[in-house]
Amino acid sequence: MKRAFDIVSSLGAIVVLSPLLLIIAIVVKLDSPGPAIFAQERVGLGFRRFWIYKFRTMIADAEWRGPGITARGDGRITRIGRILRVTKLDELPQLFNVLRGDMSIVGPRPELPLYVSQFADDYAQILSVRPGLTDPASIQFVNEEKLLAASAEPEKTYLTEILPKKIKLAKEYVRDQSLSYDLALIATTITRVIGRKKASAS
């Protein structure tokens, strides 16, 4: 049932949003040198690695110029990238990850291999399901970049404070998952993203 929902939802969204996807890709290319799509290795169902897709929001060689996490105000973020990250439009290419079966619409957000390896026992439970576009942690930490920007050591803060809380929420999701819960999380995510966009514009 969940996989069927993922296929229908992602395919429908891709068809409906295809003009927007094309426009964003063109704008990203015009804004700064480099590809429109950024691919990064993440860990998925059963610890299988896959490439997650996003619209590029940072300079082309950003991975070699800083940590895997990003704080607000990071100098690697492009002008258009700032807008895409606030509105979460940079995540839209992950609809193709959902269609491919790498991800679900709802599920624990996929992490970098480096971070998963440090919490392998926890992820053995979490990765019993497909990672998703949104989950309870995505909602609770919608302003994660702001939290990291307030830290003198963003990566340490992420590993010792934020990620453990995300892991706890991910485990709770795996335990309580259901179609009705997923629909509620989708609705809440949309509401939070819209609210965040309005707050950043004010």
N, C-alpha and C. Protein backbone atom coordinates (compact mmCIF):
# COMPACT_ATOMS: atom_id res chain seq x y z
N MET A 1 0.82 -1.21 0.00
CA MET A 1 0.00 0.00 0.00
C MET A 1 0.86 1.26 0.00
N LYS A 2 1.88 1.31 0.87
CA LYS A 2 2.71 2.50 0.96
C LYS A 2 3.49 2.72 -0.33
N ARG A 3 4.03 1.63 -0.90
CA ARG A 3 4.80 1.78 -2.14
C ARG A 3 3.91 2.26 -3.27
N ALA A 4 2.69 1.77 -3.33
CA ALA A 4 1.75 2.22 -4.36
C ALA A 4 1.46 3.71 -4.19
N PHE A 5 1.26 4.13 -2.93
CA PHE A 5 1.03 5.55 -2.64
C PHE A 5 2.23 6.39 -3.09
N ASP A 6 3.43 5.90 -2.81
CA ASP A 6 4.65 6.62 -3.20
C ASP A 6 4.74 6.78 -4.71
N ILE A 7 4.47 5.71 -5.45
CA ILE A 7 4.58 5.75 -6.91
C ILE A 7 3.57 6.72 -7.50
N VAL A 8 2.32 6.60 -7.08
CA VAL A 8 1.27 7.46 -7.61
C VAL A 8 1.53 8.92 -7.25
N SER A 9 1.90 9.17 -6.00
CA SER A 9 2.12 10.54 -5.53
C SER A 9 3.31 11.18 -6.21
N SER A 10 4.43 10.47 -6.28
CA SER A 10 5.64 11.05 -6.88
C SER A 10 5.48 11.27 -8.37
N LEU A 11 4.88 10.29 -9.06
CA LEU A 11 4.69 10.44 -10.50
C LEU A 11 3.74 11.59 -10.81
N GLY A 12 2.66 11.68 -10.05
CA GLY A 12 1.72 12.77 -10.25
C GLY A 12 2.35 14.12 -9.99
N ALA A 13 3.14 14.20 -8.92
CA ALA A 13 3.80 15.46 -8.58
C ALA A 13 4.81 15.86 -9.64
N ILE A 14 5.55 14.89 -10.16
CA ILE A 14 6.55 15.18 -11.20
C ILE A 14 5.87 15.74 -12.45
N VAL A 15 4.75 15.14 -12.84
CA VAL A 15 4.03 15.60 -14.03
C VAL A 15 3.49 17.01 -13.82
N VAL A 16 2.85 17.23 -12.69
CA VAL A 16 2.24 18.54 -12.41
C VAL A 16 3.30 19.63 -12.25
N LEU A 17 4.41 19.28 -11.59
CA LEU A 17 5.44 20.27 -11.26
C LEU A 17 6.55 20.37 -12.31
N SER A 18 6.45 19.63 -13.40
CA SER A 18 7.52 19.62 -14.40
C SER A 18 7.89 21.02 -14.92
N PRO A 19 6.93 21.92 -15.18
CA PRO A 19 7.33 23.28 -15.60
C PRO A 19 8.15 24.00 -14.53
N LEU A 20 7.75 23.84 -13.26
CA LEU A 20 8.48 24.47 -12.16
C LEU A 20 9.88 23.87 -12.03
N LEU A 21 9.98 22.56 -12.18
CA LEU A 21 11.29 21.90 -12.09
C LEU A 21 12.23 22.43 -13.16
N LEU A 22 11.70 22.61 -14.37
CA LEU A 22 12.52 23.12 -15.47
C LEU A 22 12.97 24.55 -15.20
N ILE A 23 12.05 25.38 -14.72
CA ILE A 23 12.38 26.77 -14.43
C ILE A 23 13.46 26.87 -13.35
N ILE A 24 13.31 26.10 -12.27
CA ILE A 24 14.30 26.12 -11.19
C ILE A 24 15.66 25.67 -11.70
N ALA A 25 15.68 24.62 -12.53
CA ALA A 25 16.95 24.12 -13.07
C ALA A 25 17.66 25.19 -13.89
N ILE A 26 16.89 25.92 -14.70
CA ILE A 26 17.48 26.98 -15.52
C ILE A 26 18.02 28.11 -14.65
N VAL A 27 17.25 28.51 -13.65
CA VAL A 27 17.67 29.60 -12.76
C VAL A 27 18.93 29.23 -11.99
N VAL A 28 19.00 27.99 -11.51
CA VAL A 28 20.20 27.53 -10.78
C VAL A 28 21.43 27.61 -11.68
N LYS A 29 21.27 27.18 -12.93
CA LYS A 29 22.38 27.20 -13.88
C LYS A 29 22.83 28.64 -14.17
N LEU A 30 21.88 29.55 -14.29
CA LEU A 30 22.20 30.94 -14.61
C LEU A 30 22.81 31.67 -13.41
N ASP A 31 22.46 31.23 -12.21
CA ASP A 31 22.90 31.92 -11.00
C ASP A 31 24.37 31.70 -10.67
N SER A 32 24.87 30.49 -10.91
CA SER A 32 26.27 30.20 -10.59
C SER A 32 26.76 29.02 -11.42
N PRO A 33 28.08 28.95 -11.67
CA PRO A 33 28.63 27.86 -12.47
C PRO A 33 28.40 26.50 -11.80
N GLY A 34 28.13 25.50 -12.62
CA GLY A 34 27.95 24.17 -12.09
C GLY A 34 26.65 23.54 -12.55
N PRO A 35 26.43 22.28 -12.24
CA PRO A 35 25.21 21.59 -12.66
C PRO A 35 23.99 22.08 -11.88
N ALA A 36 22.81 21.87 -12.45
CA ALA A 36 21.58 22.27 -11.76
C ALA A 36 21.24 21.30 -10.63
N ILE A 37 21.61 20.04 -10.82
CA ILE A 37 21.29 19.00 -9.84
C ILE A 37 22.54 18.60 -9.06
N PHE A 38 22.35 18.48 -7.75
CA PHE A 38 23.42 18.04 -6.86
C PHE A 38 23.08 16.64 -6.38
N ALA A 39 24.01 15.72 -6.51
CA ALA A 39 23.79 14.35 -6.06
C ALA A 39 24.76 14.05 -4.92
N GLN A 40 24.25 13.43 -3.87
CA GLN A 40 25.07 13.12 -2.70
C GLN A 40 24.72 11.74 -2.19
N GLU A 41 25.74 10.99 -1.78
CA GLU A 41 25.51 9.63 -1.31
C GLU A 41 24.85 9.64 0.07
N ARG A 42 23.80 8.86 0.22
CA ARG A 42 23.12 8.70 1.50
C ARG A 42 22.91 7.20 1.75
N VAL A 43 22.43 6.90 2.95
CA VAL A 43 22.20 5.50 3.33
C VAL A 43 20.71 5.23 3.42
N GLY A 44 20.26 4.18 2.72
CA GLY A 44 18.83 3.90 2.67
C GLY A 44 18.45 2.58 3.28
N LEU A 45 17.32 2.06 2.84
CA LEU A 45 16.74 0.82 3.36
C LEU A 45 17.78 -0.29 3.42
N GLY A 46 17.91 -0.91 4.60
CA GLY A 46 18.85 -2.01 4.77
C GLY A 46 20.31 -1.62 4.60
N PHE A 47 20.62 -0.34 4.88
CA PHE A 47 21.98 0.20 4.77
C PHE A 47 22.46 0.26 3.31
N ARG A 48 21.53 0.15 2.36
CA ARG A 48 21.94 0.27 0.96
C ARG A 48 22.18 1.73 0.63
N ARG A 49 23.31 2.01 0.02
CA ARG A 49 23.64 3.40 -0.32
C ARG A 49 22.99 3.79 -1.65
N PHE A 50 22.63 5.05 -1.75
CA PHE A 50 22.04 5.56 -2.99
C PHE A 50 22.40 7.03 -3.12
N TRP A 51 22.14 7.57 -4.30
CA TRP A 51 22.42 8.99 -4.56
C TRP A 51 21.14 9.78 -4.44
N ILE A 52 21.13 10.72 -3.51
CA ILE A 52 19.97 11.58 -3.32
C ILE A 52 20.12 12.80 -4.22
N TYR A 53 19.01 13.24 -4.82
CA TYR A 53 19.05 14.37 -5.75
C TYR A 53 18.43 15.62 -5.13
N LYS A 54 19.09 16.74 -5.37
CA LYS A 54 18.58 18.04 -4.95
C LYS A 54 18.94 19.06 -6.02
N PHE A 55 18.20 20.17 -6.06
CA PHE A 55 18.67 21.29 -6.85
C PHE A 55 19.88 21.86 -6.12
N ARG A 56 20.92 22.17 -6.86
CA ARG A 56 22.15 22.68 -6.23
C ARG A 56 21.89 24.04 -5.60
N THR A 57 22.22 24.18 -4.33
CA THR A 57 22.03 25.44 -3.61
C THR A 57 23.35 26.04 -3.15
N MET A 58 24.44 25.34 -3.44
CA MET A 58 25.76 25.81 -3.00
C MET A 58 26.71 25.86 -4.19
N ILE A 59 27.87 26.46 -4.00
CA ILE A 59 28.86 26.50 -5.06
C ILE A 59 29.24 25.08 -5.45
N ALA A 60 29.72 24.91 -6.67
CA ALA A 60 29.90 23.58 -7.24
C ALA A 60 30.83 22.67 -6.43
N ASP A 61 31.85 23.22 -5.79
CA ASP A 61 32.80 22.38 -5.04
C ASP A 61 32.60 22.51 -3.53
N ALA A 62 31.37 22.75 -3.12
CA ALA A 62 31.06 22.99 -1.70
C ALA A 62 31.47 21.83 -0.79
N GLU A 63 31.37 20.60 -1.29
CA GLU A 63 31.69 19.44 -0.47
C GLU A 63 33.14 19.43 0.00
N TRP A 64 34.00 20.08 -0.77
CA TRP A 64 35.42 20.10 -0.44
C TRP A 64 35.80 21.33 0.36
N ARG A 65 34.83 22.19 0.64
CA ARG A 65 35.11 23.45 1.34
C ARG A 65 34.45 23.57 2.70
N GLY A 66 33.91 22.48 3.20
CA GLY A 66 33.26 22.55 4.51
C GLY A 66 32.62 21.23 4.88
N PRO A 67 31.95 21.19 6.04
CA PRO A 67 31.34 19.96 6.55
C PRO A 67 30.10 19.54 5.77
N GLY A 68 29.60 18.35 6.08
CA GLY A 68 28.41 17.84 5.40
C GLY A 68 27.13 18.51 5.84
N ILE A 69 27.15 19.16 7.00
CA ILE A 69 25.96 19.90 7.45
C ILE A 69 26.13 21.37 7.08
N THR A 70 25.01 22.09 7.03
CA THR A 70 25.04 23.49 6.59
C THR A 70 24.32 24.38 7.58
N ALA A 71 25.00 25.43 8.03
CA ALA A 71 24.39 26.41 8.92
C ALA A 71 23.91 27.61 8.12
N ARG A 72 22.92 28.31 8.66
CA ARG A 72 22.44 29.52 8.00
C ARG A 72 23.59 30.52 7.89
N GLY A 73 23.70 31.16 6.73
CA GLY A 73 24.77 32.12 6.52
C GLY A 73 26.05 31.49 5.98
N ASP A 74 26.03 30.18 5.74
CA ASP A 74 27.19 29.48 5.18
C ASP A 74 27.58 30.15 3.86
N GLY A 75 28.84 30.53 3.74
CA GLY A 75 29.31 31.23 2.55
C GLY A 75 29.26 30.42 1.28
N ARG A 76 29.06 29.12 1.40
CA ARG A 76 28.99 28.26 0.22
C ARG A 76 27.63 28.33 -0.48
N ILE A 77 26.62 28.86 0.21
CA ILE A 77 25.27 28.91 -0.35
C ILE A 77 25.17 30.02 -1.39
N THR A 78 24.56 29.72 -2.53
CA THR A 78 24.40 30.71 -3.60
C THR A 78 23.20 31.61 -3.32
N ARG A 79 23.03 32.65 -4.12
CA ARG A 79 21.91 33.57 -3.93
C ARG A 79 20.57 32.85 -4.12
N ILE A 80 20.45 32.13 -5.22
CA ILE A 80 19.22 31.38 -5.47
C ILE A 80 19.09 30.24 -4.45
N GLY A 81 20.22 29.70 -4.06
CA GLY A 81 20.22 28.61 -3.09
C GLY A 81 19.55 28.99 -1.79
N ARG A 82 19.74 30.23 -1.35
CA ARG A 82 19.12 30.67 -0.10
C ARG A 82 17.60 30.60 -0.19
N ILE A 83 17.07 31.01 -1.34
CA ILE A 83 15.62 30.98 -1.54
C ILE A 83 15.12 29.54 -1.60
N LEU A 84 15.84 28.71 -2.33
CA LEU A 84 15.42 27.31 -2.48
C LEU A 84 15.44 26.57 -1.15
N ARG A 85 16.40 26.87 -0.31
CA ARG A 85 16.51 26.17 0.98
C ARG A 85 15.39 26.61 1.94
N VAL A 86 15.05 27.89 1.93
CA VAL A 86 13.98 28.38 2.81
C VAL A 86 12.64 27.78 2.40
N THR A 87 12.39 27.71 1.09
CA THR A 87 11.11 27.20 0.58
C THR A 87 11.10 25.68 0.45
N LYS A 88 12.27 25.04 0.63
CA LYS A 88 12.42 23.59 0.48
C LYS A 88 12.23 23.13 -0.96
N LEU A 89 12.25 24.07 -1.91
CA LEU A 89 12.11 23.69 -3.31
C LEU A 89 13.32 22.91 -3.81
N ASP A 90 14.44 23.04 -3.10
CA ASP A 90 15.64 22.29 -3.50
C ASP A 90 15.44 20.78 -3.36
N GLU A 91 14.44 20.38 -2.56
CA GLU A 91 14.20 18.96 -2.31
C GLU A 91 13.34 18.29 -3.39
N LEU A 92 12.75 19.07 -4.29
CA LEU A 92 11.81 18.51 -5.26
C LEU A 92 12.39 17.38 -6.12
N PRO A 93 13.66 17.44 -6.54
CA PRO A 93 14.19 16.33 -7.34
C PRO A 93 14.15 14.98 -6.63
N GLN A 94 13.96 14.99 -5.30
CA GLN A 94 13.87 13.72 -4.58
C GLN A 94 12.59 12.96 -4.91
N LEU A 95 11.67 13.61 -5.62
CA LEU A 95 10.50 12.90 -6.12
C LEU A 95 10.94 11.76 -7.05
N PHE A 96 12.06 11.98 -7.77
CA PHE A 96 12.59 10.93 -8.63
C PHE A 96 13.19 9.80 -7.78
N ASN A 97 13.77 10.14 -6.63
CA ASN A 97 14.26 9.11 -5.71
C ASN A 97 13.10 8.25 -5.21
N VAL A 98 11.97 8.90 -4.95
CA VAL A 98 10.79 8.17 -4.49
C VAL A 98 10.29 7.26 -5.59
N LEU A 99 10.21 7.76 -6.81
CA LEU A 99 9.73 6.97 -7.94
C LEU A 99 10.64 5.77 -8.19
N ARG A 100 11.95 5.95 -8.01
CA ARG A 100 12.92 4.87 -8.21
C ARG A 100 12.86 3.81 -7.11
N GLY A 101 12.33 4.18 -5.96
CA GLY A 101 12.27 3.24 -4.85
C GLY A 101 13.36 3.45 -3.82
N ASP A 102 14.19 4.49 -4.00
CA ASP A 102 15.23 4.79 -3.01
C ASP A 102 14.61 5.34 -1.73
N MET A 103 13.50 6.07 -1.90
CA MET A 103 12.90 6.79 -0.79
C MET A 103 11.38 6.64 -0.83
N SER A 104 10.73 7.08 0.25
CA SER A 104 9.28 7.19 0.33
C SER A 104 8.91 8.67 0.47
N ILE A 105 7.65 8.98 0.31
CA ILE A 105 7.21 10.35 0.57
C ILE A 105 7.45 10.68 2.04
N VAL A 106 7.07 9.74 2.93
CA VAL A 106 7.28 9.93 4.36
C VAL A 106 8.16 8.80 4.90
N GLY A 107 9.16 9.18 5.68
CA GLY A 107 10.07 8.21 6.27
C GLY A 107 11.24 8.96 6.87
N PRO A 108 12.04 8.34 7.71
CA PRO A 108 13.18 9.01 8.33
C PRO A 108 14.10 9.61 7.26
N ARG A 109 14.49 10.85 7.45
CA ARG A 109 15.36 11.50 6.47
C ARG A 109 16.69 10.73 6.35
N PRO A 110 17.15 10.50 5.11
CA PRO A 110 18.39 9.74 4.91
C PRO A 110 19.62 10.55 5.32
N GLU A 111 20.55 9.89 5.98
CA GLU A 111 21.74 10.57 6.47
C GLU A 111 22.98 10.22 5.65
N LEU A 112 24.03 11.00 5.86
CA LEU A 112 25.32 10.75 5.24
C LEU A 112 25.93 9.47 5.83
N PRO A 113 26.65 8.69 5.02
CA PRO A 113 27.28 7.47 5.54
C PRO A 113 28.17 7.72 6.76
N LEU A 114 28.86 8.85 6.78
CA LEU A 114 29.74 9.18 7.89
C LEU A 114 28.99 9.23 9.21
N TYR A 115 27.82 9.82 9.20
CA TYR A 115 27.04 9.95 10.42
C TYR A 115 26.32 8.65 10.78
N VAL A 116 25.85 7.92 9.78
CA VAL A 116 25.19 6.64 10.04
C VAL A 116 26.15 5.66 10.70
N SER A 117 27.41 5.67 10.25
CA SER A 117 28.39 4.73 10.81
C SER A 117 28.65 4.97 12.29
N GLN A 118 28.41 6.19 12.77
CA GLN A 118 28.64 6.51 14.18
C GLN A 118 27.46 6.13 15.06
N PHE A 119 26.31 5.80 14.43
CA PHE A 119 25.12 5.39 15.18
C PHE A 119 24.52 4.14 14.53
N ALA A 120 25.40 3.19 14.18
CA ALA A 120 24.98 2.02 13.40
C ALA A 120 23.89 1.21 14.07
N ASP A 121 23.97 1.01 15.38
CA ASP A 121 22.96 0.22 16.08
C ASP A 121 21.58 0.87 15.98
N ASP A 122 21.55 2.18 16.12
CA ASP A 122 20.28 2.90 16.02
C ASP A 122 19.71 2.79 14.60
N TYR A 123 20.60 2.94 13.61
CA TYR A 123 20.13 2.92 12.23
C TYR A 123 19.73 1.54 11.75
N ALA A 124 20.15 0.49 12.45
CA ALA A 124 19.70 -0.85 12.10
C ALA A 124 18.18 -0.93 12.22
N GLN A 125 17.61 -0.22 13.18
CA GLN A 125 16.16 -0.16 13.35
C GLN A 125 15.54 0.85 12.38
N ILE A 126 16.15 2.01 12.30
CA ILE A 126 15.60 3.08 11.46
C ILE A 126 15.55 2.68 9.99
N LEU A 127 16.60 2.02 9.52
CA LEU A 127 16.70 1.66 8.11
C LEU A 127 16.00 0.35 7.78
N SER A 128 15.08 -0.05 8.64
CA SER A 128 14.20 -1.16 8.32
C SER A 128 13.05 -0.67 7.43
N VAL A 129 12.98 0.67 7.25
CA VAL A 129 12.01 1.28 6.34
C VAL A 129 12.76 2.20 5.38
N ARG A 130 12.11 2.55 4.29
CA ARG A 130 12.73 3.48 3.35
C ARG A 130 12.81 4.88 3.97
N PRO A 131 13.90 5.59 3.72
CA PRO A 131 13.96 6.99 4.15
C PRO A 131 12.96 7.81 3.34
N GLY A 132 12.63 9.00 3.83
CA GLY A 132 11.59 9.77 3.16
C GLY A 132 11.92 11.23 2.92
N LEU A 133 10.98 11.89 2.24
CA LEU A 133 11.10 13.32 1.99
C LEU A 133 10.86 14.12 3.27
N THR A 134 9.99 13.60 4.11
CA THR A 134 9.69 14.29 5.36
C THR A 134 9.40 13.28 6.45
N ASP A 135 9.55 13.72 7.69
CA ASP A 135 9.30 12.88 8.86
C ASP A 135 9.15 13.81 10.06
N PRO A 136 8.87 13.28 11.25
CA PRO A 136 8.71 14.16 12.41
C PRO A 136 9.93 15.04 12.68
N ALA A 137 11.14 14.53 12.43
CA ALA A 137 12.35 15.32 12.67
C ALA A 137 12.45 16.49 11.69
N SER A 138 12.01 16.29 10.46
CA SER A 138 12.02 17.37 9.47
C SER A 138 11.15 18.53 9.93
N ILE A 139 10.04 18.17 10.57
CA ILE A 139 9.10 19.19 11.06
C ILE A 139 9.68 19.88 12.30
N GLN A 140 10.18 19.11 13.25
CA GLN A 140 10.71 19.69 14.48
C GLN A 140 11.94 20.54 14.22
N PHE A 141 12.77 20.12 13.26
CA PHE A 141 14.01 20.83 12.98
C PHE A 141 13.95 21.57 11.65
N VAL A 142 12.78 22.14 11.35
CA VAL A 142 12.63 22.89 10.11
C VAL A 142 13.59 24.08 10.06
N ASN A 143 13.99 24.58 11.23
CA ASN A 143 14.95 25.70 11.31
C ASN A 143 16.34 25.22 11.76
N GLU A 144 16.70 24.03 11.34
CA GLU A 144 17.98 23.45 11.75
C GLU A 144 19.17 24.34 11.40
N GLU A 145 19.16 24.95 10.24
CA GLU A 145 20.28 25.78 9.82
C GLU A 145 20.47 26.97 10.76
N LYS A 146 19.38 27.49 11.28
CA LYS A 146 19.45 28.59 12.23
C LYS A 146 20.07 28.12 13.54
N LEU A 147 19.70 26.93 13.98
CA LEU A 147 20.27 26.37 15.21
C LEU A 147 21.78 26.16 15.07
N LEU A 148 22.19 25.66 13.93
CA LEU A 148 23.60 25.40 13.69
C LEU A 148 24.40 26.70 13.59
N ALA A 149 23.77 27.73 13.03
CA ALA A 149 24.45 29.02 12.89
C ALA A 149 24.75 29.64 14.25
N ALA A 150 23.96 29.29 15.25
CA ALA A 150 24.16 29.84 16.60
C ALA A 150 25.24 29.10 17.37
N SER A 151 25.77 28.03 16.79
CA SER A 151 26.79 27.22 17.47
C SER A 151 28.20 27.60 17.02
N ALA A 152 29.13 27.58 17.97
CA ALA A 152 30.53 27.85 17.63
C ALA A 152 31.14 26.65 16.89
N GLU A 153 30.56 25.47 17.11
CA GLU A 153 31.03 24.25 16.45
C GLU A 153 29.82 23.51 15.87
N PRO A 154 29.34 23.93 14.68
CA PRO A 154 28.11 23.39 14.11
C PRO A 154 28.10 21.87 13.96
N GLU A 155 29.19 21.30 13.45
CA GLU A 155 29.18 19.85 13.22
C GLU A 155 29.12 19.08 14.54
N LYS A 156 29.83 19.57 15.56
CA LYS A 156 29.79 18.93 16.87
C LYS A 156 28.38 19.03 17.46
N THR A 157 27.76 20.20 17.31
CA THR A 157 26.40 20.39 17.80
C THR A 157 25.44 19.44 17.10
N TYR A 158 25.63 19.26 15.81
CA TYR A 158 24.76 18.36 15.06
C TYR A 158 24.89 16.92 15.57
N LEU A 159 26.13 16.48 15.76
CA LEU A 159 26.38 15.09 16.16
C LEU A 159 25.99 14.80 17.61
N THR A 160 26.17 15.75 18.49
CA THR A 160 25.94 15.50 19.91
C THR A 160 24.57 15.95 20.41
N GLU A 161 23.92 16.87 19.70
CA GLU A 161 22.64 17.39 20.17
C GLU A 161 21.48 17.13 19.20
N ILE A 162 21.67 17.53 17.94
CA ILE A 162 20.56 17.45 16.99
C ILE A 162 20.33 16.02 16.48
N LEU A 163 21.38 15.36 16.01
CA LEU A 163 21.20 14.03 15.44
C LEU A 163 20.63 13.01 16.43
N PRO A 164 21.08 12.99 17.69
CA PRO A 164 20.46 12.05 18.64
C PRO A 164 18.95 12.26 18.79
N LYS A 165 18.51 13.51 18.74
CA LYS A 165 17.07 13.79 18.83
C LYS A 165 16.36 13.32 17.56
N LYS A 166 17.02 13.50 16.41
CA LYS A 166 16.44 13.02 15.15
C LYS A 166 16.30 11.50 15.17
N ILE A 167 17.31 10.85 15.69
CA ILE A 167 17.29 9.39 15.78
C ILE A 167 16.14 8.91 16.66
N LYS A 168 15.93 9.58 17.77
CA LYS A 168 14.82 9.22 18.67
C LYS A 168 13.49 9.37 17.95
N LEU A 169 13.31 10.47 17.23
CA LEU A 169 12.07 10.71 16.50
C LEU A 169 11.90 9.69 15.38
N ALA A 170 13.00 9.34 14.72
CA ALA A 170 12.95 8.36 13.63
C ALA A 170 12.50 6.99 14.15
N LYS A 171 13.02 6.60 15.30
CA LYS A 171 12.63 5.32 15.89
C LYS A 171 11.15 5.32 16.26
N GLU A 172 10.67 6.44 16.77
CA GLU A 172 9.26 6.55 17.12
C GLU A 172 8.39 6.46 15.88
N TYR A 173 8.87 7.06 14.76
CA TYR A 173 8.11 6.98 13.51
C TYR A 173 8.02 5.54 13.03
N VAL A 174 9.15 4.83 13.04
CA VAL A 174 9.16 3.43 12.60
C VAL A 174 8.17 2.61 13.42
N ARG A 175 8.11 2.89 14.70
CA ARG A 175 7.21 2.16 15.60
C ARG A 175 5.74 2.49 15.34
N ASP A 176 5.44 3.75 15.04
CA ASP A 176 4.05 4.20 14.96
C ASP A 176 3.53 4.43 13.55
N GLN A 177 4.32 4.14 12.52
CA GLN A 177 3.94 4.48 11.15
C GLN A 177 2.61 3.87 10.74
N SER A 178 1.87 4.66 9.95
CA SER A 178 0.60 4.22 9.37
C SER A 178 0.26 5.20 8.26
N LEU A 179 -0.68 4.86 7.41
CA LEU A 179 -1.06 5.75 6.32
C LEU A 179 -1.64 7.05 6.86
N SER A 180 -2.48 6.96 7.88
CA SER A 180 -3.08 8.17 8.44
C SER A 180 -2.02 9.07 9.07
N TYR A 181 -1.03 8.46 9.71
CA TYR A 181 0.06 9.22 10.31
C TYR A 181 0.88 9.91 9.22
N ASP A 182 1.14 9.18 8.13
CA ASP A 182 1.89 9.76 7.01
C ASP A 182 1.15 10.96 6.42
N LEU A 183 -0.15 10.83 6.23
CA LEU A 183 -0.93 11.94 5.66
C LEU A 183 -0.90 13.16 6.58
N ALA A 184 -0.95 12.92 7.87
CA ALA A 184 -0.88 14.01 8.84
C ALA A 184 0.47 14.69 8.79
N LEU A 185 1.54 13.91 8.64
CA LEU A 185 2.89 14.48 8.56
C LEU A 185 3.07 15.30 7.29
N ILE A 186 2.50 14.83 6.18
CA ILE A 186 2.58 15.57 4.92
C ILE A 186 1.89 16.92 5.08
N ALA A 187 0.70 16.92 5.66
CA ALA A 187 -0.05 18.17 5.86
C ALA A 187 0.70 19.12 6.78
N THR A 188 1.26 18.59 7.85
CA THR A 188 2.00 19.43 8.80
C THR A 188 3.26 20.00 8.15
N THR A 189 3.93 19.20 7.34
CA THR A 189 5.14 19.66 6.66
C THR A 189 4.83 20.84 5.74
N ILE A 190 3.77 20.70 4.95
CA ILE A 190 3.38 21.77 4.03
C ILE A 190 3.07 23.05 4.81
N THR A 191 2.35 22.91 5.91
CA THR A 191 1.99 24.08 6.74
C THR A 191 3.24 24.74 7.31
N ARG A 192 4.18 23.94 7.82
CA ARG A 192 5.40 24.49 8.41
C ARG A 192 6.27 25.19 7.38
N VAL A 193 6.38 24.60 6.19
CA VAL A 193 7.20 25.21 5.14
C VAL A 193 6.61 26.53 4.69
N ILE A 194 5.29 26.58 4.54
CA ILE A 194 4.63 27.84 4.16
C ILE A 194 4.84 28.89 5.24
N GLY A 195 4.69 28.48 6.51
CA GLY A 195 4.90 29.41 7.62
C GLY A 195 6.33 29.92 7.68
N ARG A 196 7.28 29.04 7.39
CA ARG A 196 8.69 29.43 7.40
C ARG A 196 8.98 30.42 6.28
N LYS A 197 8.37 30.20 5.13
CA LYS A 197 8.57 31.11 3.99
C LYS A 197 8.03 32.49 4.32
N LYS A 198 6.85 32.54 4.94
CA LYS A 198 6.25 33.84 5.30
C LYS A 198 7.10 34.55 6.33
N ALA A 199 7.63 33.80 7.29
CA ALA A 199 8.45 34.39 8.35
C ALA A 199 9.73 34.98 7.77
N SER A 200 10.32 34.30 6.81
CA SER A 200 11.59 34.78 6.23
C SER A 200 11.35 36.01 5.35
N ALA A 201 10.13 36.14 4.82
CA ALA A 201 9.83 37.27 3.94
C ALA A 201 9.45 38.52 4.73
N SER A 202 9.07 38.35 6.00
CA SER A 202 8.61 39.48 6.81
C SER A 202 9.79 40.22 7.45
